[in-house]
Structures are given as C-alpha cells and as structure tokens.
Amino acid sequence: MTTVSAEEARNQFAEILNKVAYGHERTIVTRRGKRVAAIVSIEDFELLEAVSDELEDRADAEYCQEALANLDLSKTIPWEDLKSLTQAIRKRKRQNP
C-alpha cells in the first residue's frame, strides 16, 4: 500500500490511477499528515460495498428478531379492527375535504 500527500496525488493522479486500476495497488492520500482518503480498484470497492451491505442486513435481521421477541401481543390491534378504523378515517376525509 502506498501513501501520498494530497499534492502528490494531484500531480501524479494518472500514474496512481493506473497502479490502482491495473496493478490493484491501494493508495492512501494524506493531508497535513492525516489520512483523509483511499484510492482503491473498483473490484476492492465493490467487495467493500458487498461486505458492508451484508453486515447491515445481518444487523437489521438481528434488530427485527429482537423486536419480535419483545413484542407484547396484548398491545396489538387485530387486523380487521385496524382495517375498519382505516376505512372509517378515509370515509370521513372524503366527506369533509
């Protein structure tokens, strides 16, 4: 992995891009000594996105499982009651626009 300053990255952008795209070399860009960005191949980027999406999906699934486990069914509204209530509200809105 190569590290370059922002100024070097600007001056050598085409060369860095070729190394990243064709040589699969990752490049870290720094500004005032602080790491601020990375230039990676599209393959690395797509892999990173896929891993990120998978982790988000797992976290969402865990959240849903926990919510379902903690669901208090005594505080739910039966579907038919909710359907009737929704229809009544819609009817009132149509009568009093």
Protein backbone atom coordinates (compact mmCIF):
# COMPACT_ATOMS: atom_id res chain seq x y z
CA MET A 1 0.00 0.00 0.00
CA THR A 2 1.30 3.40 -0.99
CA THR A 3 0.80 6.64 0.91
CA VAL A 4 0.93 10.01 -0.84
CA SER A 5 0.13 13.58 0.12
CA ALA A 6 -2.84 15.31 -1.49
CA GLU A 7 -0.42 17.42 -3.53
CA GLU A 8 1.42 14.31 -4.78
CA ALA A 9 -1.92 12.70 -5.59
CA ARG A 10 -2.91 15.72 -7.70
CA ASN A 11 0.43 15.80 -9.51
CA GLN A 12 0.58 12.04 -10.11
CA PHE A 13 -3.10 11.23 -10.43
CA ALA A 14 -2.90 9.42 -13.78
CA GLU A 15 0.00 7.25 -12.60
CA ILE A 16 -1.70 6.46 -9.27
CA LEU A 17 -4.94 5.64 -11.06
CA ASN A 18 -3.16 3.22 -13.40
CA LYS A 19 -1.42 1.48 -10.49
CA VAL A 20 -4.73 1.14 -8.67
CA ALA A 21 -6.79 0.05 -11.68
CA TYR A 22 -4.31 -2.34 -13.30
CA GLY A 23 -1.92 -3.25 -10.52
CA HIS A 24 -4.55 -3.44 -7.76
CA GLU A 25 -2.34 -1.24 -5.59
CA ARG A 26 -4.17 0.65 -2.86
CA THR A 27 -3.18 4.25 -2.22
CA ILE A 28 -3.77 6.30 0.92
CA VAL A 29 -3.98 10.08 0.50
CA THR A 30 -2.91 12.32 3.36
CA ARG A 31 -3.41 15.99 4.09
CA ARG A 32 -1.12 17.61 6.66
CA GLY A 33 -0.01 14.12 7.68
CA LYS A 34 -3.54 12.89 8.37
CA ARG A 35 -5.06 10.03 6.33
CA VAL A 36 -8.09 11.50 4.55
CA ALA A 37 -8.89 9.21 1.62
CA ALA A 38 -8.09 5.98 -0.13
CA ILE A 39 -7.92 5.16 -3.82
CA VAL A 40 -8.80 1.54 -4.48
CA SER A 41 -9.67 -0.57 -7.51
CA ILE A 42 -13.30 -0.95 -8.48
CA GLU A 43 -13.08 -4.63 -7.50
CA ASP A 44 -11.97 -3.71 -3.98
CA PHE A 45 -14.68 -1.07 -3.76
CA GLU A 46 -17.42 -3.48 -4.89
CA LEU A 47 -16.20 -6.09 -2.37
CA LEU A 48 -16.26 -3.47 0.38
CA GLU A 49 -19.81 -2.48 -0.57
CA ALA A 50 -20.95 -6.13 -0.61
CA VAL A 51 -19.45 -6.76 2.83
CA SER A 52 -20.99 -3.54 4.17
CA ASP A 53 -24.41 -4.48 2.76
CA GLU A 54 -24.16 -7.96 4.28
CA LEU A 55 -23.27 -6.54 7.69
CA GLU A 56 -26.17 -4.09 7.51
CA ASP A 57 -28.56 -6.89 6.53
CA ARG A 58 -27.37 -9.00 9.47
CA ALA A 59 -27.76 -6.09 11.87
CA ASP A 60 -31.27 -5.41 10.53
CA ALA A 61 -32.21 -9.08 10.92
CA GLU A 62 -30.92 -9.16 14.49
CA TYR A 63 -32.86 -5.98 15.31
CA CYS A 64 -36.06 -7.48 13.86
CA GLN A 65 -35.58 -10.74 15.76
CA GLU A 66 -35.08 -8.83 19.00
CA ALA A 67 -38.13 -6.64 18.33
CA LEU A 68 -40.29 -9.70 17.60
CA ALA A 69 -39.04 -11.43 20.75
CA ASN A 70 -40.03 -8.39 22.82
CA LEU A 71 -43.39 -7.87 21.12
CA ASP A 72 -46.28 -7.61 23.57
CA LEU A 73 -49.22 -9.11 21.67
CA SER A 74 -51.64 -7.79 24.28
CA LYS A 75 -50.96 -4.29 22.90
CA THR A 76 -51.65 -5.10 19.26
CA ILE A 77 -54.75 -4.28 17.23
CA PRO A 78 -56.44 -7.10 15.31
CA TRP A 79 -56.20 -6.67 11.54
CA GLU A 80 -59.94 -6.45 11.00
CA ASP A 81 -60.24 -3.67 13.62
CA LEU A 82 -57.40 -1.73 12.02
CA LYS A 83 -58.91 -2.18 8.57
CA SER A 84 -62.30 -0.89 9.77
CA LEU A 85 -60.71 2.07 11.52
CA THR A 86 -58.69 3.00 8.42
CA GLN A 87 -61.78 2.79 6.20
CA ALA A 88 -63.74 5.00 8.60
CA ILE A 89 -60.99 7.63 8.59
CA ARG A 90 -60.81 7.62 4.79
CA LYS A 91 -64.60 7.94 4.57
CA ARG A 92 -64.56 10.96 6.92
CA LYS A 93 -61.80 12.62 4.92
CA ARG A 94 -63.77 12.21 1.69
CA GLN A 95 -66.89 13.69 3.32
CA ASN A 96 -65.03 16.64 4.85
CA PRO A 97 -62.25 17.63 2.40
